[in-house]
Protein backbone atom coordinates (compact mmCIF):
# COMPACT_ATOMS: atom_id res chain seq x y z
CA UNK A 1 0.00 0.00 0.00
CA UNK A 2 1.24 3.49 -0.88
CA UNK A 3 0.26 6.85 0.57
CA UNK A 4 0.25 9.94 -1.64
CA UNK A 5 -0.60 13.57 -1.09
CA UNK A 6 -2.71 14.82 -4.00
CA UNK A 7 -4.09 18.26 -4.80
CA UNK A 8 -7.23 17.67 -6.78
CA UNK A 9 -10.79 18.71 -7.43
CA UNK A 10 -13.38 17.44 -4.98
CA UNK A 11 -16.63 17.07 -6.93
CA UNK A 12 -19.71 16.76 -4.73
CA UNK A 13 -22.01 14.76 -7.00
CA UNK A 14 -25.44 15.57 -5.54
CA UNK A 15 -25.00 19.33 -5.14
CA UNK A 16 -22.63 19.83 -8.09
CA UNK A 17 -20.28 21.86 -5.91
CA UNK A 18 -16.54 21.65 -6.66
CA UNK A 19 -13.49 22.72 -4.67
CA UNK A 20 -9.74 22.21 -4.89
CA UNK A 21 -8.24 20.52 -1.85
CA UNK A 22 -5.04 18.70 -0.88
CA UNK A 23 -5.71 15.25 0.61
CA UNK A 24 -3.78 12.14 1.63
CA UNK A 25 -4.73 8.97 -0.24
CA UNK A 26 -3.96 5.30 0.25
CA UNK A 27 -3.43 3.36 -2.99
CA UNK A 28 -3.37 -0.42 -3.06
CA UNK A 29 -1.86 -2.46 -5.91
CA UNK A 30 -5.22 -2.69 -7.68
CA UNK A 31 -5.71 1.10 -7.61
CA UNK A 32 -2.33 1.60 -9.27
CA UNK A 33 -3.48 -0.31 -12.37
CA UNK A 34 -6.55 1.72 -13.32
CA UNK A 35 -7.22 5.24 -14.52
CA UNK A 36 -10.55 5.46 -12.67
CA UNK A 37 -10.30 3.76 -9.30
CA UNK A 38 -11.27 3.78 -5.63
CA UNK A 39 -8.80 5.16 -3.11
CA UNK A 40 -9.07 5.68 0.64
CA UNK A 41 -8.98 9.40 1.45
CA UNK A 42 -7.79 10.01 5.01
CA UNK A 43 -9.48 13.41 5.41
CA UNK A 44 -12.90 12.01 4.40
CA UNK A 45 -12.37 8.72 6.27
CA UNK A 46 -13.81 6.76 3.34
CA UNK A 47 -13.06 5.36 -0.09
CA UNK A 48 -13.75 7.73 -2.97
CA UNK A 49 -13.75 7.29 -6.72
CA UNK A 50 -10.65 8.99 -8.14
CA UNK A 51 -9.81 9.88 -11.74
CA UNK A 52 -6.08 9.93 -12.41
CA UNK A 53 -6.68 11.80 -15.71
CA UNK A 54 -7.79 15.05 -14.10
CA UNK A 55 -7.19 14.46 -10.35
CA UNK A 56 -10.90 14.50 -9.52
CA UNK A 57 -12.47 12.84 -6.48
CA UNK A 58 -16.19 12.05 -6.54
CA UNK A 59 -18.01 12.55 -3.23
CA UNK A 60 -21.61 11.54 -2.52
CA UNK A 61 -22.89 14.50 -0.51
CA UNK A 62 -26.38 14.74 0.91
CA UNK A 63 -28.31 17.93 0.39
CA UNK A 64 -30.23 19.02 3.44
CA UNK A 65 -33.69 20.59 3.07
């Protein structure tokens, strides 16, 4: 397992909001092979979908009424 610090775009899928943030990610051997993959993001305490092409993380946010 490898840890990397990545500055990327956090894309909140439900609200459409985007922000640039630096996060620490854990990559396993499987994640290294693919362009679109799941990585564990320490700051979010969960696995997120990550695109290596454009350094985008997809986050499932919940809009509150």
